[in-house]
Every structure is written in structure tokens, then in C-alpha cells.
Amino acid sequence: MITLKSAREIELMRRAGKITAAARALAGEMVKPGVTTREIDKAVHRFIKSQGAEPSFLNYNGYPASVCISVNDEIIHGIPGNRVLQEGDIVSVDVGAYIGGFHGDCAATYACGKISEEAQRLIDVTRQSFFEGIKNAREGCRVSDIGHAVQEYVEANGFSVVREYVGHGVGRQMHESPEVPNYGAPGHGPKLLRGMTIAVEPMVNMGTAAIKQMPDGWTVRTADGKYAAHYENTLLITAGEPELLTVPAP
């Protein structure tokens, strides 16, 4: 069931979103050669707790960390550990924070030191595909209008969109209805209504869209070993432009 948020609930989601966005920014600042993914996870965990919030991901369906950190050909759900980041890596950080009964959820891919031009283009196209998609995150549009715009932009730039994982509603639960795919024909799915809160999150591969699941049960990689990038924000459907909820406090 899709839940429309009240004015009070939206205020609570703004609060959760600001903490989540600040946690993402902290993680992004830490992406440097020589840093381990576990160090980033621990710093983000401390930060979220310092804000009076809880990491949404920790123990979610058994997930063992506070952040998903996916490097190079890892698309999503990489588990932080002893991996030392290297110059030229690209690092996707996905984080959630829970406070006041509501979740925020956001992600971005960061360059570790100097990266290749094509890797930077992948990051840039992935991020821009989010903004192309949310041009259709307006009252009266359909959910699939978002994904159609994402897919068109990504494929026009020579990259491919992951099919098996999608965006989603966000609120009292981290994953709520509706699902928000990053592909498909326009004009399908639920109508977007004022008060809906959704996470739009393009996952884009440099090569083919095919994926493979790792034995840890979490990490998802590209089937061809080429790089992948991820970009996500939680947003609110309004009477006009969508409001991004996962923006850091000024």
C-alpha cells in the first residue's frame, strides 16, 4: 500500500533526510587512497548515532554494516571490510538513517583520487540520469515515467541500466510501495500523488546490464567486470517540483 505523508510526517522525513545526506557526504569525503571501507563504515555509524539516529541498514535482513560500500565493478550492497581503496577506484556509498519513526535513504559514487575519463563520465551520467528522471516526479505523472527518462538518458550515453534492483517508496519502512524501476515504457504504474515519498536510484553499468550475485549473499557485481555507478535521493512529491529530502542542512 502506498502511504501519503502528512505535513508532520514530512517534517520528520526532512529531519531523517538531512542526517542521511550528511552521512553520505562524510563517507564521500573519506574516499581517498589508503582508507579501508571499514573505516568509512565506522565513521558513518558514529556520525549517525551522534545525531540521535540509527543506521537504517545495520542488521536489515541481517546486513552486517551501517553503509553499503561498492567498489568498481560492484554495483550495490558491498559489505565494508579490510579492502584498502586505491587510486583510480570508484566507490559507491549507500546509506540510510532512521529517526523519529522515519527513514532517509541516499547514495552516490565518488572518485578515489584521479580516475579515468570514462569512469568519471559514468559517474556523471548516472547522477544526471537521476535528475532527468525526476523531471517526471510530479503530481499526475506515472511511476514508469521516471524510469523511462532514466533509461533513455543512460542508453543515449552508451551505458546500461540494471533491471533487477529498483527504487522504492520510503517512510516508516525503508522499503515501501511503490517500486520505482529505472527502465520501461512511460505511462505505467501508480500515479504520483502529493505526499508520496520515494527513493529514485539509478544503478548504471559501463558495459552490459547483466549482473552476478556474490557468495556473501549481498554484493552484486557486473557480469562483465566493468565499472558501475549508483546515485539516489529520497524525494517528496509536491504540487510542483519534487523536493529532495536527502540534502544536508545548510
Protein backbone atom coordinates (compact mmCIF):
# COMPACT_ATOMS: atom_id res chain seq x y z
CA MET A 1 0.00 0.00 0.00
CA ILE A 2 1.28 3.47 -0.90
CA THR A 3 1.19 5.87 2.04
CA LEU A 4 0.78 9.63 1.63
CA LYS A 5 2.65 11.56 4.31
CA SER A 6 1.06 14.26 6.45
CA ALA A 7 2.73 17.64 6.99
CA ARG A 8 4.04 16.43 10.36
CA GLU A 9 5.39 13.21 8.85
CA ILE A 10 7.09 15.17 6.07
CA GLU A 11 8.87 17.29 8.67
CA LEU A 12 10.13 14.11 10.33
CA MET A 13 11.30 12.78 6.98
CA ARG A 14 13.17 16.03 6.29
CA ARG A 15 14.99 15.53 9.58
CA ALA A 16 15.92 11.94 8.73
CA GLY A 17 16.89 13.01 5.22
CA LYS A 18 19.28 15.73 6.38
CA ILE A 19 21.13 13.28 8.65
CA THR A 20 21.28 10.70 5.89
CA ALA A 21 22.62 13.22 3.37
CA ALA A 22 25.25 14.44 5.82
CA ALA A 23 26.32 10.83 6.41
CA ARG A 24 26.68 10.32 2.65
CA ALA A 25 28.77 13.50 2.39
CA LEU A 26 31.02 12.34 5.23
CA ALA A 27 31.57 9.00 3.52
CA GLY A 28 32.32 10.74 0.23
CA GLU A 29 34.95 12.96 1.88
CA MET A 30 36.65 9.85 3.26
CA VAL A 31 37.02 8.19 -0.17
CA LYS A 32 40.81 8.50 -0.57
CA PRO A 33 43.63 6.10 -1.43
CA GLY A 34 44.75 4.14 1.64
CA VAL A 35 41.42 4.29 3.50
CA THR A 36 39.61 1.00 4.21
CA THR A 37 35.93 0.57 3.57
CA ARG A 38 35.51 -0.47 7.22
CA GLU A 39 36.95 2.88 8.38
CA ILE A 40 34.27 4.68 6.34
CA ASP A 41 31.56 2.45 7.77
CA LYS A 42 32.68 3.06 11.36
CA ALA A 43 32.84 6.84 10.88
CA VAL A 44 29.36 6.95 9.34
CA HIS A 45 27.98 4.76 12.13
CA ARG A 46 29.43 7.12 14.76
CA PHE A 47 28.06 10.16 12.95
CA ILE A 48 24.52 8.80 12.59
CA LYS A 49 24.44 7.80 16.28
CA SER A 50 25.79 11.24 17.26
CA GLN A 51 22.73 12.79 15.61
CA GLY A 52 20.39 10.68 17.75
CA ALA A 53 19.51 8.46 14.79
CA GLU A 54 20.05 4.79 13.98
CA PRO A 55 21.72 3.40 10.85
CA SER A 56 18.84 2.03 8.75
CA PHE A 57 20.94 -0.66 7.11
CA LEU A 58 22.57 -2.21 10.18
CA ASN A 59 21.00 -5.67 10.72
CA TYR A 60 18.43 -5.01 7.98
CA ASN A 61 17.63 -8.57 6.88
CA GLY A 62 20.91 -9.48 8.54
CA TYR A 63 23.11 -6.91 6.76
CA PRO A 64 26.25 -6.59 8.94
CA ALA A 65 27.19 -2.90 8.48
CA SER A 66 25.83 0.65 8.56
CA VAL A 67 26.79 1.54 4.97
CA CYS A 68 26.85 -0.33 1.67
CA ILE A 69 30.21 0.40 0.01
CA SER A 70 30.60 -0.94 -3.52
CA VAL A 71 33.89 -0.53 -5.39
CA ASN A 72 34.48 -0.51 -9.17
CA ASP A 73 32.52 -3.45 -10.67
CA GLU A 74 30.43 -3.84 -7.51
CA ILE A 75 27.02 -2.32 -8.25
CA ILE A 76 25.35 -2.35 -4.83
CA HIS A 77 25.36 -3.93 -1.36
CA GLY A 78 29.13 -4.21 -0.98
CA ILE A 79 30.00 -5.09 2.63
CA PRO A 80 32.64 -2.87 4.26
CA GLY A 81 35.78 -4.68 5.38
CA ASN A 82 39.56 -4.67 5.09
CA ARG A 83 39.63 -3.55 1.45
CA VAL A 84 42.02 -0.62 1.03
CA LEU A 85 40.87 1.93 -1.52
CA GLN A 86 43.29 2.55 -4.39
CA GLU A 87 43.92 5.49 -6.68
CA GLY A 88 41.58 5.14 -9.67
CA ASP A 89 38.81 3.28 -7.83
CA ILE A 90 35.23 4.47 -7.98
CA VAL A 91 33.31 3.97 -4.76
CA SER A 92 29.54 3.82 -4.39
CA VAL A 93 28.21 4.68 -0.94
CA ASP A 94 24.60 3.90 0.02
CA VAL A 95 23.39 4.96 3.46
CA GLY A 96 20.18 5.28 5.46
CA ALA A 97 19.30 6.88 8.80
CA TYR A 98 16.24 6.31 10.98
CA ILE A 99 14.94 8.88 13.46
CA GLY A 100 11.53 9.91 14.73
CA GLY A 101 9.92 6.87 13.14
CA PHE A 102 11.10 7.60 9.57
CA HIS A 103 13.97 6.69 7.25
CA GLY A 104 16.12 8.62 4.82
CA ASP A 105 17.95 6.80 2.03
CA CYS A 106 20.56 8.10 -0.43
CA ALA A 107 23.63 7.05 -2.40
CA ALA A 108 26.36 8.43 -4.64
CA THR A 109 29.52 7.27 -6.39
CA TYR A 110 32.82 9.00 -5.62
CA ALA A 111 36.20 9.09 -7.33
CA CYS A 112 39.17 7.81 -5.32
CA GLY A 113 41.98 10.13 -6.32
CA LYS A 114 42.48 10.50 -10.08
CA ILE A 115 40.20 8.26 -12.15
CA SER A 116 39.85 7.59 -15.86
CA GLU A 117 37.81 9.90 -18.06
CA GLU A 118 35.36 7.11 -18.85
CA ALA A 119 34.87 6.30 -15.15
CA GLN A 120 34.17 9.97 -14.47
CA ARG A 121 31.71 10.04 -17.34
CA LEU A 122 29.94 7.00 -15.87
CA ILE A 123 29.59 8.80 -12.51
CA ASP A 124 28.36 11.99 -14.20
CA VAL A 125 25.84 10.22 -16.45
CA THR A 126 24.49 8.19 -13.53
CA ARG A 127 23.98 11.31 -11.43
CA GLN A 128 22.41 13.26 -14.29
CA SER A 129 20.09 10.35 -15.13
CA PHE A 130 18.57 10.80 -11.66
CA PHE A 131 17.82 14.45 -12.43
CA GLU A 132 16.46 13.55 -15.87
CA GLY A 133 14.17 11.02 -14.20
CA ILE A 134 12.82 13.32 -11.53
CA LYS A 135 11.66 15.84 -14.11
CA ASN A 136 8.73 13.40 -14.18
CA ALA A 137 8.45 13.09 -10.38
CA ARG A 138 5.41 15.33 -10.39
CA GLU A 139 1.83 15.00 -9.30
CA GLY A 140 -0.19 13.27 -12.02
CA CYS A 141 2.76 11.54 -13.72
CA ARG A 142 3.15 7.76 -13.53
CA VAL A 143 5.95 5.93 -11.73
CA SER A 144 7.24 4.50 -15.02
CA ASP A 145 7.65 8.00 -16.47
CA ILE A 146 10.63 8.41 -14.11
CA GLY A 147 12.32 5.16 -15.14
CA HIS A 148 11.70 5.75 -18.82
CA ALA A 149 13.55 9.08 -18.66
CA VAL A 150 16.43 7.49 -16.70
CA GLN A 151 16.78 4.67 -19.23
CA GLU A 152 16.65 6.95 -22.26
CA TYR A 153 19.37 9.22 -20.89
CA VAL A 154 21.65 6.37 -19.76
CA GLU A 155 21.37 4.42 -23.01
CA ALA A 156 21.82 7.55 -25.14
CA ASN A 157 25.19 7.90 -23.39
CA GLY A 158 26.22 4.32 -24.19
CA PHE A 159 25.72 2.79 -20.75
CA SER A 160 23.14 0.31 -19.42
CA VAL A 161 20.58 0.26 -16.60
CA VAL A 162 20.40 -2.53 -14.03
CA ARG A 163 16.99 -4.23 -14.15
CA GLU A 164 16.98 -6.49 -11.08
CA TYR A 165 17.08 -3.68 -8.49
CA VAL A 166 14.84 -0.63 -8.38
CA GLY A 167 13.94 2.47 -6.42
CA HIS A 168 11.12 2.36 -3.89
CA GLY A 169 8.86 4.18 -1.50
CA VAL A 170 10.45 5.36 1.76
CA GLY A 171 8.84 6.28 5.06
CA ARG A 172 8.21 4.36 8.27
CA GLN A 173 9.78 1.43 6.43
CA MET A 174 12.99 1.77 4.46
CA HIS A 175 11.40 -0.06 1.53
CA GLU A 176 7.74 0.72 0.88
CA SER A 177 5.45 0.68 -2.14
CA PRO A 178 5.68 1.61 -4.93
CA GLU A 179 8.66 0.09 -6.70
CA VAL A 180 10.37 2.68 -8.94
CA PRO A 181 12.20 0.94 -11.81
CA ASN A 182 14.90 2.76 -13.76
CA TYR A 183 13.64 1.49 -17.14
CA GLY A 184 10.49 0.74 -19.08
CA ALA A 185 7.81 2.38 -21.17
CA PRO A 186 6.18 5.58 -19.90
CA GLY A 187 2.59 5.80 -18.70
CA HIS A 188 2.55 2.75 -16.44
CA GLY A 189 2.42 2.08 -12.73
CA PRO A 190 0.83 4.05 -9.91
CA LYS A 191 0.01 7.72 -10.40
CA LEU A 192 2.26 10.04 -8.43
CA LEU A 193 0.32 11.91 -5.74
CA ARG A 194 1.19 14.80 -3.47
CA GLY A 195 2.60 13.48 -0.19
CA MET A 196 4.28 10.39 -1.68
CA THR A 197 7.91 9.92 -0.66
CA ILE A 198 10.09 7.80 -2.92
CA ALA A 199 13.74 6.93 -3.46
CA VAL A 200 14.84 7.21 -7.07
CA GLU A 201 18.14 5.38 -7.57
CA PRO A 202 19.66 4.70 -10.97
CA MET A 203 22.22 1.88 -10.97
CA VAL A 204 24.22 2.14 -14.17
CA ASN A 205 26.77 -0.22 -15.72
CA MET A 206 29.56 0.80 -18.06
CA GLY A 207 29.10 -2.41 -20.05
CA THR A 208 26.10 -4.73 -20.23
CA ALA A 209 23.17 -4.61 -17.81
CA ALA A 210 23.86 -8.20 -16.69
CA ILE A 211 24.71 -8.77 -13.03
CA LYS A 212 26.04 -11.54 -10.82
CA GLN A 213 25.34 -12.18 -7.14
CA MET A 214 28.34 -12.88 -4.92
CA PRO A 215 28.51 -15.80 -2.48
CA ASP A 216 28.23 -13.44 0.53
CA GLY A 217 24.54 -13.11 -0.38
CA TRP A 218 24.74 -9.31 -0.58
CA THR A 219 27.30 -7.95 -3.01
CA VAL A 220 26.09 -7.56 -6.60
CA ARG A 221 28.66 -7.11 -9.37
CA THR A 222 28.58 -6.50 -13.11
CA ALA A 223 28.70 -9.76 -15.05
CA ASP A 224 31.38 -8.41 -17.40
CA GLY A 225 33.62 -6.90 -14.72
CA LYS A 226 33.18 -3.34 -15.99
CA TYR A 227 32.54 -0.46 -13.61
CA ALA A 228 29.13 0.50 -12.20
CA ALA A 229 27.81 3.66 -10.52
CA HIS A 230 24.84 4.48 -8.28
CA TYR A 231 23.03 7.70 -7.39
CA GLU A 232 20.00 8.07 -5.11
CA ASN A 233 17.96 10.59 -3.18
CA THR A 234 14.73 10.41 -1.21
CA LEU A 235 12.20 12.88 -2.55
CA LEU A 236 8.71 14.21 -1.85
CA ILE A 237 6.01 14.60 -4.49
CA THR A 238 4.55 18.11 -4.13
CA ALA A 239 2.15 20.35 -6.02
CA GLY A 240 5.10 21.43 -8.19
CA GLU A 241 8.75 20.42 -8.40
CA PRO A 242 9.74 17.39 -6.29
CA GLU A 243 11.50 18.25 -3.02
CA LEU A 244 14.76 16.41 -2.35
CA LEU A 245 14.69 15.29 1.28
CA THR A 246 18.25 13.96 1.39
CA VAL A 247 20.07 17.28 1.24
CA PRO A 248 22.48 18.23 4.06
CA ALA A 249 21.49 21.02 6.42
CA PRO A 250 22.97 24.38 5.30
